[in-house]
Amino acid sequence: MTPFQSSIRKALEQLEPGDVVTYGEIAAQAGYPGTARAVGNFLRNSSDLPWWRVVTSGGRLVPGSEREQERRLRAEGVEVTDGRVADTR
């Protein structure tokens, strides 16, 4: 695992149920600002992490996984309307 991946993993593991953050916020929190796209690529291949708690900068759900992400977020008490969460963190 690379230092980038390890830092992203650590940042994601700190999220609590009901937390929602953007890819950019996770990248910055992990010490890699400006790497939101790389965070998305990493999450695409890391199903053991709470990927559903991460949304786009506009609050949109992950394209292609919207139904599963919405189901998981709602189960944690997060409000999802028209494929978007109202607030992050």
N, C-alpha and C. Protein backbone atom coordinates (compact mmCIF):
# COMPACT_ATOMS: atom_id res chain seq x y z
N MET A 1 0.85 -1.18 0.00
CA MET A 1 0.00 0.00 0.00
C MET A 1 0.90 1.24 0.00
N THR A 2 0.54 2.21 -0.82
CA THR A 2 1.34 3.43 -0.91
C THR A 2 1.02 4.36 0.26
N PRO A 3 1.89 5.34 0.54
CA PRO A 3 1.59 6.31 1.58
C PRO A 3 0.27 7.06 1.31
N PHE A 4 0.01 7.36 0.05
CA PHE A 4 -1.26 8.01 -0.31
C PHE A 4 -2.44 7.14 0.10
N GLN A 5 -2.42 5.89 -0.31
CA GLN A 5 -3.51 4.97 0.00
C GLN A 5 -3.68 4.79 1.50
N SER A 6 -2.59 4.68 2.20
CA SER A 6 -2.63 4.52 3.65
C SER A 6 -3.26 5.75 4.32
N SER A 7 -2.90 6.93 3.85
CA SER A 7 -3.46 8.17 4.42
C SER A 7 -4.95 8.30 4.12
N ILE A 8 -5.35 7.94 2.91
CA ILE A 8 -6.78 8.00 2.54
C ILE A 8 -7.56 6.99 3.38
N ARG A 9 -7.02 5.80 3.51
CA ARG A 9 -7.68 4.76 4.32
C ARG A 9 -7.87 5.25 5.75
N LYS A 10 -6.85 5.83 6.33
CA LYS A 10 -6.93 6.32 7.71
C LYS A 10 -8.00 7.40 7.85
N ALA A 11 -8.05 8.33 6.90
CA ALA A 11 -9.05 9.40 6.93
C ALA A 11 -10.46 8.83 6.83
N LEU A 12 -10.65 7.84 5.98
CA LEU A 12 -11.98 7.24 5.82
C LEU A 12 -12.39 6.45 7.04
N GLU A 13 -11.46 5.78 7.67
CA GLU A 13 -11.77 4.97 8.85
C GLU A 13 -12.19 5.83 10.03
N GLN A 14 -11.90 7.12 10.00
CA GLN A 14 -12.29 8.03 11.08
C GLN A 14 -13.73 8.52 10.94
N LEU A 15 -14.34 8.27 9.79
CA LEU A 15 -15.73 8.71 9.59
C LEU A 15 -16.67 7.86 10.43
N GLU A 16 -17.65 8.53 10.99
CA GLU A 16 -18.68 7.86 11.79
C GLU A 16 -19.94 7.66 10.95
N PRO A 17 -20.79 6.71 11.31
CA PRO A 17 -22.07 6.58 10.61
C PRO A 17 -22.80 7.92 10.58
N GLY A 18 -23.29 8.28 9.40
CA GLY A 18 -24.00 9.55 9.23
C GLY A 18 -23.11 10.67 8.74
N ASP A 19 -21.79 10.52 8.83
CA ASP A 19 -20.87 11.51 8.28
C ASP A 19 -20.90 11.41 6.76
N VAL A 20 -20.84 12.55 6.10
CA VAL A 20 -20.73 12.60 4.65
C VAL A 20 -19.70 13.66 4.31
N VAL A 21 -18.73 13.29 3.49
CA VAL A 21 -17.66 14.21 3.09
C VAL A 21 -17.50 14.13 1.57
N THR A 22 -16.79 15.08 1.02
CA THR A 22 -16.50 15.05 -0.41
C THR A 22 -15.14 14.39 -0.65
N TYR A 23 -14.93 14.02 -1.90
CA TYR A 23 -13.63 13.46 -2.28
C TYR A 23 -12.51 14.44 -1.95
N GLY A 24 -12.74 15.70 -2.24
CA GLY A 24 -11.74 16.73 -1.97
C GLY A 24 -11.45 16.90 -0.49
N GLU A 25 -12.49 16.80 0.34
CA GLU A 25 -12.29 16.91 1.78
C GLU A 25 -11.45 15.76 2.32
N ILE A 26 -11.71 14.56 1.82
CA ILE A 26 -10.91 13.40 2.25
C ILE A 26 -9.47 13.57 1.80
N ALA A 27 -9.27 14.03 0.57
CA ALA A 27 -7.92 14.24 0.05
C ALA A 27 -7.17 15.24 0.92
N ALA A 28 -7.81 16.35 1.24
CA ALA A 28 -7.17 17.38 2.07
C ALA A 28 -6.89 16.88 3.47
N GLN A 29 -7.86 16.19 4.05
CA GLN A 29 -7.69 15.66 5.40
C GLN A 29 -6.53 14.67 5.46
N ALA A 30 -6.32 13.93 4.38
CA ALA A 30 -5.25 12.94 4.34
C ALA A 30 -3.89 13.56 4.02
N GLY A 31 -3.90 14.87 3.73
CA GLY A 31 -2.64 15.54 3.43
C GLY A 31 -2.30 15.61 1.96
N TYR A 32 -3.29 15.35 1.10
CA TYR A 32 -3.09 15.36 -0.34
C TYR A 32 -4.13 16.24 -1.03
N PRO A 33 -4.16 17.53 -0.71
CA PRO A 33 -5.16 18.40 -1.35
C PRO A 33 -4.99 18.40 -2.87
N GLY A 34 -6.11 18.51 -3.55
CA GLY A 34 -6.09 18.54 -5.01
C GLY A 34 -6.08 17.18 -5.67
N THR A 35 -6.27 16.13 -4.89
CA THR A 35 -6.23 14.77 -5.45
C THR A 35 -7.58 14.05 -5.33
N ALA A 36 -8.65 14.81 -5.42
CA ALA A 36 -9.99 14.23 -5.27
C ALA A 36 -10.23 13.08 -6.25
N ARG A 37 -9.80 13.26 -7.48
CA ARG A 37 -10.01 12.21 -8.49
C ARG A 37 -9.25 10.93 -8.11
N ALA A 38 -8.06 11.08 -7.58
CA ALA A 38 -7.28 9.92 -7.15
C ALA A 38 -7.96 9.20 -5.98
N VAL A 39 -8.60 9.97 -5.10
CA VAL A 39 -9.36 9.37 -4.00
C VAL A 39 -10.49 8.51 -4.58
N GLY A 40 -11.20 9.05 -5.56
CA GLY A 40 -12.28 8.29 -6.21
C GLY A 40 -11.77 7.01 -6.84
N ASN A 41 -10.64 7.08 -7.51
CA ASN A 41 -10.06 5.88 -8.13
C ASN A 41 -9.68 4.86 -7.07
N PHE A 42 -9.12 5.32 -5.97
CA PHE A 42 -8.76 4.41 -4.89
C PHE A 42 -10.00 3.74 -4.30
N LEU A 43 -11.04 4.52 -4.07
CA LEU A 43 -12.26 3.96 -3.48
C LEU A 43 -12.95 2.97 -4.41
N ARG A 44 -12.83 3.18 -5.68
CA ARG A 44 -13.46 2.28 -6.66
C ARG A 44 -12.96 0.84 -6.47
N ASN A 45 -11.74 0.70 -5.96
CA ASN A 45 -11.13 -0.62 -5.79
C ASN A 45 -10.97 -1.02 -4.32
N SER A 46 -11.68 -0.34 -3.43
CA SER A 46 -11.53 -0.61 -1.99
C SER A 46 -12.89 -0.77 -1.34
N SER A 47 -13.52 -1.88 -1.59
CA SER A 47 -14.89 -2.09 -1.10
C SER A 47 -14.97 -2.28 0.41
N ASP A 48 -13.83 -2.46 1.08
CA ASP A 48 -13.86 -2.65 2.53
C ASP A 48 -13.93 -1.33 3.29
N LEU A 49 -13.85 -0.21 2.58
CA LEU A 49 -13.92 1.11 3.21
C LEU A 49 -15.32 1.70 3.07
N PRO A 50 -15.69 2.65 3.93
CA PRO A 50 -17.04 3.25 3.86
C PRO A 50 -17.17 4.25 2.70
N TRP A 51 -17.06 3.75 1.48
CA TRP A 51 -17.10 4.56 0.26
C TRP A 51 -18.39 5.35 0.14
N TRP A 52 -19.49 4.83 0.68
CA TRP A 52 -20.79 5.47 0.53
C TRP A 52 -20.88 6.79 1.27
N ARG A 53 -19.95 7.07 2.15
CA ARG A 53 -19.96 8.33 2.90
C ARG A 53 -19.24 9.45 2.15
N VAL A 54 -18.78 9.17 0.94
CA VAL A 54 -18.04 10.14 0.14
C VAL A 54 -18.85 10.50 -1.10
N VAL A 55 -19.03 11.80 -1.32
CA VAL A 55 -19.83 12.30 -2.45
C VAL A 55 -19.01 13.32 -3.24
N THR A 56 -19.57 13.73 -4.37
CA THR A 56 -18.90 14.74 -5.19
C THR A 56 -18.95 16.10 -4.50
N SER A 57 -18.20 17.05 -5.02
CA SER A 57 -18.15 18.38 -4.41
C SER A 57 -19.51 19.06 -4.39
N GLY A 58 -20.39 18.68 -5.30
CA GLY A 58 -21.74 19.24 -5.32
C GLY A 58 -22.74 18.44 -4.51
N GLY A 59 -22.25 17.42 -3.79
CA GLY A 59 -23.14 16.61 -2.96
C GLY A 59 -23.82 15.47 -3.69
N ARG A 60 -23.45 15.26 -4.94
CA ARG A 60 -24.05 14.17 -5.73
C ARG A 60 -23.49 12.82 -5.31
N LEU A 61 -24.34 11.80 -5.47
CA LEU A 61 -23.93 10.43 -5.17
C LEU A 61 -23.02 9.91 -6.28
N VAL A 62 -22.35 8.80 -6.01
CA VAL A 62 -21.40 8.21 -6.95
C VAL A 62 -22.12 7.71 -8.20
N PRO A 63 -21.77 8.21 -9.37
CA PRO A 63 -22.40 7.73 -10.60
C PRO A 63 -22.22 6.22 -10.77
N GLY A 64 -23.31 5.54 -11.05
CA GLY A 64 -23.28 4.10 -11.23
C GLY A 64 -23.57 3.32 -9.96
N SER A 65 -23.46 3.96 -8.81
CA SER A 65 -23.71 3.29 -7.53
C SER A 65 -24.72 4.05 -6.69
N GLU A 66 -25.51 4.89 -7.34
CA GLU A 66 -26.41 5.78 -6.62
C GLU A 66 -27.40 5.04 -5.72
N ARG A 67 -27.98 3.98 -6.22
CA ARG A 67 -29.00 3.28 -5.41
C ARG A 67 -28.40 2.67 -4.15
N GLU A 68 -27.28 2.00 -4.30
CA GLU A 68 -26.64 1.38 -3.14
C GLU A 68 -26.14 2.44 -2.17
N GLN A 69 -25.56 3.50 -2.69
CA GLN A 69 -25.07 4.57 -1.83
C GLN A 69 -26.23 5.24 -1.09
N GLU A 70 -27.31 5.50 -1.79
CA GLU A 70 -28.47 6.12 -1.15
C GLU A 70 -29.03 5.21 -0.06
N ARG A 71 -29.12 3.92 -0.35
CA ARG A 71 -29.64 2.96 0.65
C ARG A 71 -28.78 2.98 1.91
N ARG A 72 -27.47 2.95 1.74
CA ARG A 72 -26.57 2.93 2.89
C ARG A 72 -26.61 4.25 3.67
N LEU A 73 -26.65 5.36 2.95
CA LEU A 73 -26.71 6.66 3.63
C LEU A 73 -28.01 6.81 4.40
N ARG A 74 -29.11 6.45 3.78
CA ARG A 74 -30.41 6.55 4.48
C ARG A 74 -30.43 5.68 5.73
N ALA A 75 -29.82 4.52 5.66
CA ALA A 75 -29.75 3.62 6.82
C ALA A 75 -28.97 4.27 7.97
N GLU A 76 -28.10 5.23 7.64
CA GLU A 76 -27.33 5.95 8.65
C GLU A 76 -27.98 7.27 9.03
N GLY A 77 -29.17 7.52 8.50
CA GLY A 77 -29.91 8.73 8.87
C GLY A 77 -29.61 9.95 8.01
N VAL A 78 -28.94 9.76 6.90
CA VAL A 78 -28.61 10.88 6.01
C VAL A 78 -29.76 11.10 5.03
N GLU A 79 -30.14 12.35 4.86
CA GLU A 79 -31.20 12.70 3.93
C GLU A 79 -30.63 12.82 2.52
N VAL A 80 -31.24 12.11 1.59
CA VAL A 80 -30.83 12.15 0.18
C VAL A 80 -32.05 12.57 -0.63
N THR A 81 -31.89 13.62 -1.43
CA THR A 81 -32.98 14.12 -2.27
C THR A 81 -32.48 14.29 -3.69
N ASP A 82 -33.17 13.65 -4.63
CA ASP A 82 -32.81 13.75 -6.04
C ASP A 82 -31.34 13.43 -6.29
N GLY A 83 -30.84 12.37 -5.64
CA GLY A 83 -29.48 11.93 -5.87
C GLY A 83 -28.40 12.80 -5.28
N ARG A 84 -28.77 13.57 -4.26
CA ARG A 84 -27.83 14.52 -3.67
C ARG A 84 -28.06 14.59 -2.16
N VAL A 85 -26.97 14.76 -1.41
CA VAL A 85 -27.10 15.00 0.02
C VAL A 85 -27.10 16.51 0.26
N ALA A 86 -27.82 16.94 1.26
CA ALA A 86 -27.95 18.36 1.52
C ALA A 86 -26.67 18.95 2.06
N ASP A 87 -26.06 18.29 3.02
CA ASP A 87 -24.88 18.82 3.68
C ASP A 87 -23.82 17.74 3.78
N THR A 88 -22.57 18.18 3.82
CA THR A 88 -21.49 17.25 4.13
C THR A 88 -20.97 17.61 5.50
N ARG A 89 -20.57 16.62 6.19
CA ARG A 89 -20.08 16.73 7.57
C ARG A 89 -20.86 17.68 8.32
